[in-house]
Amino acid sequence: MQKIWYLFFISFTFVSLNLVDQTDSSSSKLNQVVVDTSIQQEILIGECDFADLMNNSFFGSYFNSATDYLLQTDSLQLFQNEIKQLEIIIVFGSWCSDSQREIPRFYKVLNAIQFPMEKVLIVGVNRQKFAPDIDLSVFQVVFVPTFIFLKNGTEIGRIVESPKYSIESDIVNIIKNNLN
């Protein structure tokens, strides 16, 4: 039952993302900024994309700090075909220091290995891990950022808050543990 829900969620979400790309961006709900009254701060909420995150007035500056992140993509190159079969869901809080550090680094890794960005869903949440119009309850996200890796709609692993070793080695370990 859980796999069916994942398949439905992923299919619906990625179809929705493709439809958003085809509509007038002024009417889309992509990259919404709202004021979180519990912290009296603007936050990003709902579906987001890397391009707008990088250009966002309050989140974009964190991408500059990722220039110090030294990539270790050699091991990822060995699993290039396996990586590109995955879908990735990123749940983050623009208000969260771990998200502010890890999202730009994760983007840098994906960009370096030329991962297809249309297979990435980025969801900004508030402190209650809620995003309007997106049911994240099936993923049981407790901490942000959470990077969820799916293969054929089934979760095969995740990175929560920060990597155990490095983003690259954690991704390789997820793939190695799920080779068929």
C-alpha atoms as a PDB file:
ATOM      1  CA  MET A   1       0.000   0.000   0.000  1.00  0.00           C
ATOM      2  CA  GLN A   2       2.829   2.408   0.870  1.00  0.00           C
ATOM      3  CA  LYS A   3       4.486   1.871  -2.533  1.00  0.00           C
ATOM      4  CA  ILE A   4       1.196   2.654  -4.304  1.00  0.00           C
ATOM      5  CA  TRP A   5       0.883   5.888  -2.311  1.00  0.00           C
ATOM      6  CA  TYR A   6       4.469   6.852  -3.183  1.00  0.00           C
ATOM      7  CA  LEU A   7       3.835   6.156  -6.869  1.00  0.00           C
ATOM      8  CA  PHE A   8       0.667   8.248  -6.826  1.00  0.00           C
ATOM      9  CA  PHE A   9       2.331  11.081  -4.908  1.00  0.00           C
ATOM     10  CA  ILE A  10       5.423  11.161  -7.116  1.00  0.00           C
ATOM     11  CA  SER A  11       3.457  10.880 -10.357  1.00  0.00           C
ATOM     12  CA  PHE A  12       1.013  13.592  -9.301  1.00  0.00           C
ATOM     13  CA  THR A  13       3.748  15.877  -8.015  1.00  0.00           C
ATOM     14  CA  PHE A  14       6.010  15.623 -11.039  1.00  0.00           C
ATOM     15  CA  VAL A  15       3.061  16.012 -13.421  1.00  0.00           C
ATOM     16  CA  SER A  16       2.031  19.067 -11.406  1.00  0.00           C
ATOM     17  CA  LEU A  17       5.542  20.485 -11.658  1.00  0.00           C
ATOM     18  CA  ASN A  18       5.536  20.029 -15.421  1.00  0.00           C
ATOM     19  CA  LEU A  19       2.156  21.775 -15.652  1.00  0.00           C
ATOM     20  CA  VAL A  20       3.453  24.664 -13.556  1.00  0.00           C
ATOM     21  CA  ASP A  21       6.367  25.066 -15.964  1.00  0.00           C
ATOM     22  CA  GLN A  22       3.898  25.463 -18.829  1.00  0.00           C
ATOM     23  CA  THR A  23       1.738  28.120 -17.168  1.00  0.00           C
ATOM     24  CA  ASP A  24       2.254  31.801 -16.633  1.00  0.00           C
ATOM     25  CA  SER A  25       4.692  32.058 -13.720  1.00  0.00           C
ATOM     26  CA  SER A  26       2.774  34.953 -12.180  1.00  0.00           C
ATOM     27  CA  SER A  27      -0.179  32.640 -11.524  1.00  0.00           C
ATOM     28  CA  SER A  28       1.850  29.685 -10.222  1.00  0.00           C
ATOM     29  CA  LYS A  29       2.326  28.855  -6.574  1.00  0.00           C
ATOM     30  CA  LEU A  30       6.017  28.147  -7.052  1.00  0.00           C
ATOM     31  CA  ASN A  31       8.459  29.803  -4.618  1.00  0.00           C
ATOM     32  CA  GLN A  32       5.843  31.396  -2.358  1.00  0.00           C
ATOM     33  CA  VAL A  33       7.044  33.718   0.371  1.00  0.00           C
ATOM     34  CA  VAL A  34       4.859  34.105   3.461  1.00  0.00           C
ATOM     35  CA  VAL A  35       5.356  35.525   6.929  1.00  0.00           C
ATOM     36  CA  ASP A  36       5.582  32.819   9.581  1.00  0.00           C
ATOM     37  CA  THR A  37       3.878  34.573  12.487  1.00  0.00           C
ATOM     38  CA  SER A  38       5.401  32.187  15.048  1.00  0.00           C
ATOM     39  CA  ILE A  39       8.860  33.605  14.283  1.00  0.00           C
ATOM     40  CA  GLN A  40       7.847  36.903  12.620  1.00  0.00           C
ATOM     41  CA  GLN A  41       9.982  36.090   9.612  1.00  0.00           C
ATOM     42  CA  GLU A  42       9.449  35.613   5.889  1.00  0.00           C
ATOM     43  CA  ILE A  43       9.820  31.996   4.789  1.00  0.00           C
ATOM     44  CA  LEU A  44       9.611  30.090   1.535  1.00  0.00           C
ATOM     45  CA  ILE A  45       6.740  27.617   1.520  1.00  0.00           C
ATOM     46  CA  GLY A  46       5.412  25.058  -0.931  1.00  0.00           C
ATOM     47  CA  GLU A  47       7.045  23.987  -4.176  1.00  0.00           C
ATOM     48  CA  CYS A  48      10.303  25.734  -4.977  1.00  0.00           C
ATOM     49  CA  ASP A  49      13.022  25.442  -7.579  1.00  0.00           C
ATOM     50  CA  PHE A  50      16.759  25.933  -7.406  1.00  0.00           C
ATOM     51  CA  ALA A  51      16.851  28.866  -9.821  1.00  0.00           C
ATOM     52  CA  ASP A  52      14.502  30.950  -7.704  1.00  0.00           C
ATOM     53  CA  LEU A  53      16.126  29.809  -4.455  1.00  0.00           C
ATOM     54  CA  MET A  54      19.458  31.114  -5.737  1.00  0.00           C
ATOM     55  CA  ASN A  55      17.880  34.440  -6.707  1.00  0.00           C
ATOM     56  CA  ASN A  56      15.693  34.776  -3.626  1.00  0.00           C
ATOM     57  CA  SER A  57      16.450  37.901  -1.609  1.00  0.00           C
ATOM     58  CA  PHE A  58      16.828  36.114   1.726  1.00  0.00           C
ATOM     59  CA  PHE A  59      17.790  32.537   0.789  1.00  0.00           C
ATOM     60  CA  GLY A  60      19.987  33.194  -2.222  1.00  0.00           C
ATOM     61  CA  SER A  61      22.921  34.456  -0.177  1.00  0.00           C
ATOM     62  CA  TYR A  62      23.423  30.953   1.249  1.00  0.00           C
ATOM     63  CA  PHE A  63      24.403  29.701  -2.213  1.00  0.00           C
ATOM     64  CA  ASN A  64      27.491  31.924  -2.050  1.00  0.00           C
ATOM     65  CA  SER A  65      28.706  29.973   0.987  1.00  0.00           C
ATOM     66  CA  ALA A  66      28.568  26.732  -1.023  1.00  0.00           C
ATOM     67  CA  THR A  67      31.543  27.900  -3.062  1.00  0.00           C
ATOM     68  CA  ASP A  68      33.700  26.720  -0.146  1.00  0.00           C
ATOM     69  CA  TYR A  69      32.245  23.202  -0.387  1.00  0.00           C
ATOM     70  CA  LEU A  70      34.818  20.919  -2.028  1.00  0.00           C
ATOM     71  CA  LEU A  71      33.150  18.403  -4.297  1.00  0.00           C
ATOM     72  CA  GLN A  72      34.074  14.714  -4.137  1.00  0.00           C
ATOM     73  CA  THR A  73      32.199  13.482  -7.176  1.00  0.00           C
ATOM     74  CA  ASP A  74      34.610  10.706  -8.248  1.00  0.00           C
ATOM     75  CA  SER A  75      32.594   8.003  -6.500  1.00  0.00           C
ATOM     76  CA  LEU A  76      29.334   9.441  -7.830  1.00  0.00           C
ATOM     77  CA  GLN A  77      30.640   9.219 -11.386  1.00  0.00           C
ATOM     78  CA  LEU A  78      30.885   5.421 -10.977  1.00  0.00           C
ATOM     79  CA  PHE A  79      27.131   5.280 -10.314  1.00  0.00           C
ATOM     80  CA  GLN A  80      26.029   7.826 -12.917  1.00  0.00           C
ATOM     81  CA  ASN A  81      23.419   5.520 -14.510  1.00  0.00           C
ATOM     82  CA  GLU A  82      21.958   4.469 -11.143  1.00  0.00           C
ATOM     83  CA  ILE A  83      21.772   8.035  -9.885  1.00  0.00           C
ATOM     84  CA  LYS A  84      19.857   9.257 -12.911  1.00  0.00           C
ATOM     85  CA  GLN A  85      17.186   6.583 -12.329  1.00  0.00           C
ATOM     86  CA  LEU A  86      16.299   8.212  -9.013  1.00  0.00           C
ATOM     87  CA  GLU A  87      13.811  10.886  -8.062  1.00  0.00           C
ATOM     88  CA  ILE A  88      14.640  13.188  -5.172  1.00  0.00           C
ATOM     89  CA  ILE A  89      12.317  15.021  -2.817  1.00  0.00           C
ATOM     90  CA  ILE A  90      13.887  17.767  -0.751  1.00  0.00           C
ATOM     91  CA  VAL A  91      11.963  19.070   2.236  1.00  0.00           C
ATOM     92  CA  PHE A  92      13.573  22.153   3.750  1.00  0.00           C
ATOM     93  CA  GLY A  93      12.930  25.135   5.950  1.00  0.00           C
ATOM     94  CA  SER A  94      14.250  28.449   4.663  1.00  0.00           C
ATOM     95  CA  TRP A  95      14.406  29.496   8.330  1.00  0.00           C
ATOM     96  CA  CYS A  96      16.596  26.485   9.279  1.00  0.00           C
ATOM     97  CA  SER A  97      20.386  26.841   9.511  1.00  0.00           C
ATOM     98  CA  ASP A  98      20.918  23.214   8.416  1.00  0.00           C
ATOM     99  CA  SER A  99      18.799  23.865   5.306  1.00  0.00           C
ATOM    100  CA  GLN A 100      20.640  27.106   4.644  1.00  0.00           C
ATOM    101  CA  ARG A 101      23.934  25.178   4.674  1.00  0.00           C
ATOM    102  CA  GLU A 102      22.949  21.874   2.998  1.00  0.00           C
ATOM    103  CA  ILE A 103      20.559  22.946   0.195  1.00  0.00           C
ATOM    104  CA  PRO A 104      23.243  24.957  -1.671  1.00  0.00           C
ATOM    105  CA  ARG A 105      25.791  22.170  -1.181  1.00  0.00           C
ATOM    106  CA  PHE A 106      23.316  19.550  -2.408  1.00  0.00           C
ATOM    107  CA  TYR A 107      22.575  21.686  -5.460  1.00  0.00           C
ATOM    108  CA  LYS A 108      26.287  22.001  -6.157  1.00  0.00           C
ATOM    109  CA  VAL A 109      26.611  18.198  -6.110  1.00  0.00           C
ATOM    110  CA  LEU A 110      23.572  17.646  -8.368  1.00  0.00           C
ATOM    111  CA  ASN A 111      24.790  20.300 -10.778  1.00  0.00           C
ATOM    112  CA  ALA A 112      28.283  18.768 -10.925  1.00  0.00           C
ATOM    113  CA  ILE A 113      26.932  15.332 -11.874  1.00  0.00           C
ATOM    114  CA  GLN A 114      24.379  16.865 -14.278  1.00  0.00           C
ATOM    115  CA  PHE A 115      21.437  15.328 -12.454  1.00  0.00           C
ATOM    116  CA  PRO A 116      18.160  16.046 -14.303  1.00  0.00           C
ATOM    117  CA  MET A 117      16.559  18.790 -12.207  1.00  0.00           C
ATOM    118  CA  GLU A 118      13.069  17.860 -13.437  1.00  0.00           C
ATOM    119  CA  LYS A 119      13.428  14.768 -11.218  1.00  0.00           C
ATOM    120  CA  VAL A 120      13.844  16.914  -8.089  1.00  0.00           C
ATOM    121  CA  LEU A 121      10.916  18.169  -6.040  1.00  0.00           C
ATOM    122  CA  ILE A 122      11.802  20.889  -3.534  1.00  0.00           C
ATOM    123  CA  VAL A 123       9.273  21.710  -0.823  1.00  0.00           C
ATOM    124  CA  GLY A 124       9.638  24.565   1.638  1.00  0.00           C
ATOM    125  CA  VAL A 125       7.881  24.020   4.968  1.00  0.00           C
ATOM    126  CA  ASN A 126       7.116  25.978   8.111  1.00  0.00           C
ATOM    127  CA  ARG A 127       8.275  24.957  11.588  1.00  0.00           C
ATOM    128  CA  GLN A 128       5.438  22.420  11.827  1.00  0.00           C
ATOM    129  CA  LYS A 129       6.792  20.759   8.613  1.00  0.00           C
ATOM    130  CA  PHE A 130       3.667  21.843   6.742  1.00  0.00           C
ATOM    131  CA  ALA A 131       3.328  23.113   3.183  1.00  0.00           C
ATOM    132  CA  PRO A 132      -0.017  24.116   1.700  1.00  0.00           C
ATOM    133  CA  ASP A 133      -1.386  21.883  -1.071  1.00  0.00           C
ATOM    134  CA  ILE A 134       1.265  19.195  -0.477  1.00  0.00           C
ATOM    135  CA  ASP A 135       0.656  16.218   1.805  1.00  0.00           C
ATOM    136  CA  LEU A 136       4.050  15.325   3.248  1.00  0.00           C
ATOM    137  CA  SER A 137       2.668  13.082   6.007  1.00  0.00           C
ATOM    138  CA  VAL A 138       3.505   9.901   4.083  1.00  0.00           C
ATOM    139  CA  PHE A 139       7.196  10.841   4.270  1.00  0.00           C
ATOM    140  CA  GLN A 140       7.170  11.388   8.025  1.00  0.00           C
ATOM    141  CA  VAL A 141       9.553  14.341   7.905  1.00  0.00           C
ATOM    142  CA  VAL A 142      10.636  15.334  11.396  1.00  0.00           C
ATOM    143  CA  PHE A 143      13.824  17.310  10.739  1.00  0.00           C
ATOM    144  CA  VAL A 144      14.875  19.555   7.874  1.00  0.00           C
ATOM    145  CA  PRO A 145      16.399  19.398   5.470  1.00  0.00           C
ATOM    146  CA  THR A 146      15.389  15.884   4.500  1.00  0.00           C
ATOM    147  CA  PHE A 147      16.591  14.557   1.144  1.00  0.00           C
ATOM    148  CA  ILE A 148      14.458  11.572   0.141  1.00  0.00           C
ATOM    149  CA  PHE A 149      15.707   9.291  -2.625  1.00  0.00           C
ATOM    150  CA  LEU A 150      13.137   7.271  -4.567  1.00  0.00           C
ATOM    151  CA  LYS A 151      13.543   4.589  -7.182  1.00  0.00           C
ATOM    152  CA  ASN A 152      10.424   3.645  -9.146  1.00  0.00           C
ATOM    153  CA  GLY A 153       8.341   5.491  -6.558  1.00  0.00           C
ATOM    154  CA  THR A 154       9.760   3.621  -3.557  1.00  0.00           C
ATOM    155  CA  GLU A 155      11.961   5.302  -0.995  1.00  0.00           C
ATOM    156  CA  ILE A 156      15.428   3.764  -0.945  1.00  0.00           C
ATOM    157  CA  GLY A 157      17.093   6.143   1.496  1.00  0.00           C
ATOM    158  CA  ARG A 158      17.334   9.600   2.910  1.00  0.00           C
ATOM    159  CA  ILE A 159      19.741  12.142   4.289  1.00  0.00           C
ATOM    160  CA  VAL A 160      18.342  13.972   7.308  1.00  0.00           C
ATOM    161  CA  GLU A 161      19.651  17.352   8.498  1.00  0.00           C
ATOM    162  CA  SER A 162      23.272  16.763   7.524  1.00  0.00           C
ATOM    163  CA  PRO A 163      25.144  13.922   5.857  1.00  0.00           C
ATOM    164  CA  LYS A 164      26.818  11.220   7.932  1.00  0.00           C
ATOM    165  CA  TYR A 165      30.033  11.480   5.898  1.00  0.00           C
ATOM    166  CA  SER A 166      29.487  13.790   2.939  1.00  0.00           C
ATOM    167  CA  ILE A 167      26.604  14.354   0.558  1.00  0.00           C
ATOM    168  CA  GLU A 168      28.430  12.442  -2.143  1.00  0.00           C
ATOM    169  CA  SER A 169      29.385   9.426  -0.023  1.00  0.00           C
ATOM    170  CA  ASP A 170      25.929   9.258   1.557  1.00  0.00           C
ATOM    171  CA  ILE A 171      24.326   9.169  -1.912  1.00  0.00           C
ATOM    172  CA  VAL A 172      26.760   6.437  -3.003  1.00  0.00           C
ATOM    173  CA  ASN A 173      25.940   4.413   0.131  1.00  0.00           C
ATOM    174  CA  ILE A 174      22.209   4.737  -0.553  1.00  0.00           C
ATOM    175  CA  ILE A 175      22.746   3.489  -4.105  1.00  0.00           C
ATOM    176  CA  LYS A 176      25.086   0.647  -3.069  1.00  0.00           C
ATOM    177  CA  ASN A 177      22.561  -0.544  -0.490  1.00  0.00           C
ATOM    178  CA  ASN A 178      19.861  -0.732  -3.169  1.00  0.00           C
ATOM    179  CA  LEU A 179      21.617  -2.198  -6.195  1.00  0.00           C
ATOM    180  CA  ASN A 180      19.489  -4.917  -7.810  1.00  0.00           C
END
